[in-house]
Protein backbone atom coordinates (compact mmCIF):
# COMPACT_ATOMS: atom_id res chain seq x y z
CA MET A 1 -6.45 -10.68 -11.39
CA GLU A 2 -5.26 -12.32 -8.18
CA ILE A 3 -1.49 -12.70 -8.22
CA MET A 4 -0.64 -14.26 -4.86
CA LYS A 5 -1.20 -14.42 -1.12
CA LEU A 6 1.27 -12.16 0.68
CA ASP A 7 3.50 -14.13 3.05
CA ASP A 8 6.24 -11.63 3.88
CA ILE A 9 7.63 -8.16 3.16
CA ILE A 10 11.40 -7.80 2.92
CA LYS A 11 13.50 -4.65 2.61
CA THR A 12 16.82 -5.29 0.86
CA PRO A 13 19.68 -2.87 0.19
CA ASN A 14 19.92 -3.77 -3.51
CA LYS A 15 16.31 -4.42 -4.57
CA GLY A 16 14.39 -2.25 -2.12
CA ILE A 17 10.98 -3.51 -0.98
CA ILE A 18 10.02 -7.05 -2.02
CA LEU A 19 6.65 -8.67 -1.42
CA ILE A 20 7.01 -12.46 -1.11
CA GLY A 21 4.12 -14.84 -1.63
CA THR A 22 2.72 -17.99 -3.14
CA ASN A 23 -0.11 -18.85 -5.47
CA ILE A 24 -0.81 -22.56 -5.56
CA GLY A 25 -3.55 -21.96 -8.13
CA LEU A 26 -1.16 -20.68 -10.80
CA ASP A 27 -0.39 -23.18 -13.51
CA LYS A 28 2.76 -23.16 -15.62
CA GLN A 29 1.07 -21.07 -18.32
CA ASP A 30 0.26 -18.29 -15.84
CA HIS A 31 3.88 -18.05 -14.69
CA THR A 32 4.95 -16.72 -18.09
CA ASN A 33 2.49 -13.84 -17.74
CA LEU A 34 3.90 -12.57 -14.43
CA LYS A 35 6.61 -10.47 -16.14
CA SER A 36 3.83 -8.45 -17.78
CA LEU A 37 3.15 -6.98 -14.32
CA VAL A 38 6.37 -4.93 -14.45
CA GLY A 39 5.39 -1.27 -14.77
CA SER A 40 1.82 -1.87 -13.62
CA LYS A 41 0.10 -1.30 -10.28
CA ILE A 42 -0.92 -3.85 -7.68
CA GLN A 43 -3.31 -3.49 -4.76
CA VAL A 44 -3.02 -4.91 -1.23
CA ASP A 45 -5.02 -4.55 1.98
CA LYS A 46 -3.71 -2.48 4.87
CA VAL A 47 -4.18 -3.41 8.53
CA ASP A 48 -6.79 -0.63 8.94
CA GLY A 49 -9.03 -2.24 6.30
CA THR A 50 -8.24 0.21 3.51
CA LYS A 51 -6.36 -0.67 0.34
CA CYS A 52 -3.14 0.72 -1.09
CA GLU A 53 -1.67 0.74 -4.57
CA LEU A 54 1.98 -0.04 -5.28
CA ASP A 55 4.06 0.29 -8.46
CA VAL A 56 5.69 -2.95 -9.65
CA LEU A 57 9.39 -2.60 -10.52
CA ASP A 58 10.35 -6.25 -11.09
CA ILE A 59 9.12 -9.84 -10.68
CA SER A 60 11.06 -12.89 -9.56
CA LEU A 61 9.78 -16.46 -9.71
CA SER A 62 11.30 -19.54 -8.14
CA PHE A 63 10.02 -22.90 -6.98
CA SER A 64 10.09 -24.49 -3.55
CA ILE A 65 11.31 -28.01 -2.95
CA ALA A 66 7.64 -29.07 -3.17
CA ASN A 67 7.54 -27.46 -6.66
CA LEU A 68 5.24 -24.64 -5.51
CA PRO A 69 5.76 -21.22 -7.10
CA LEU A 70 7.38 -18.58 -4.88
CA ILE A 71 6.76 -15.10 -6.23
CA GLY A 72 8.80 -12.01 -5.37
CA ILE A 73 7.44 -8.63 -6.42
CA SER A 74 9.81 -5.68 -6.16
CA VAL A 75 7.77 -2.52 -5.55
CA LYS A 76 8.50 1.20 -5.44
CA GLU A 77 9.16 2.56 -1.94
CA SER A 78 5.95 3.77 -0.30
CA GLU A 79 4.92 5.09 3.10
CA ASN A 80 2.16 2.44 3.11
CA ILE A 81 4.57 -0.52 3.26
CA LYS A 82 4.60 -0.66 7.07
CA ASP A 83 0.78 -0.82 7.14
CA ILE A 84 0.32 -3.72 4.71
CA LYS A 85 -1.52 -6.72 6.14
CA LYS A 86 0.31 -10.03 5.72
CA GLY A 87 -1.87 -12.84 4.42
CA THR A 88 -3.79 -10.47 2.17
CA GLN A 89 -4.35 -11.11 -1.52
CA VAL A 90 -2.16 -9.18 -3.94
CA VAL A 91 -4.18 -8.25 -7.02
CA GLN A 92 -3.33 -6.55 -10.29
CA LEU A 93 -5.13 -3.29 -11.00
CA LEU A 94 -6.55 -3.16 -14.50
């Protein structure tokens, strides 16, 4: 399942690594299902064309002034973070 397009990667002192993105295609019903991602794995593309898996620790959802969903996914620290390609699709591994 496609979760979002990755816009930015932020490292915070309190929450660790957070992937920030948007998914204009999500409707209100889909937003309620995002919390079910906690404890699961997601997959993103790396700049070298390979893929990496990350463990989801938490999900945050807010809305922009244009009422578009802004999704924050807190992930477990990984050596692959620096190699993740921005603009890639973040997908849930089943």
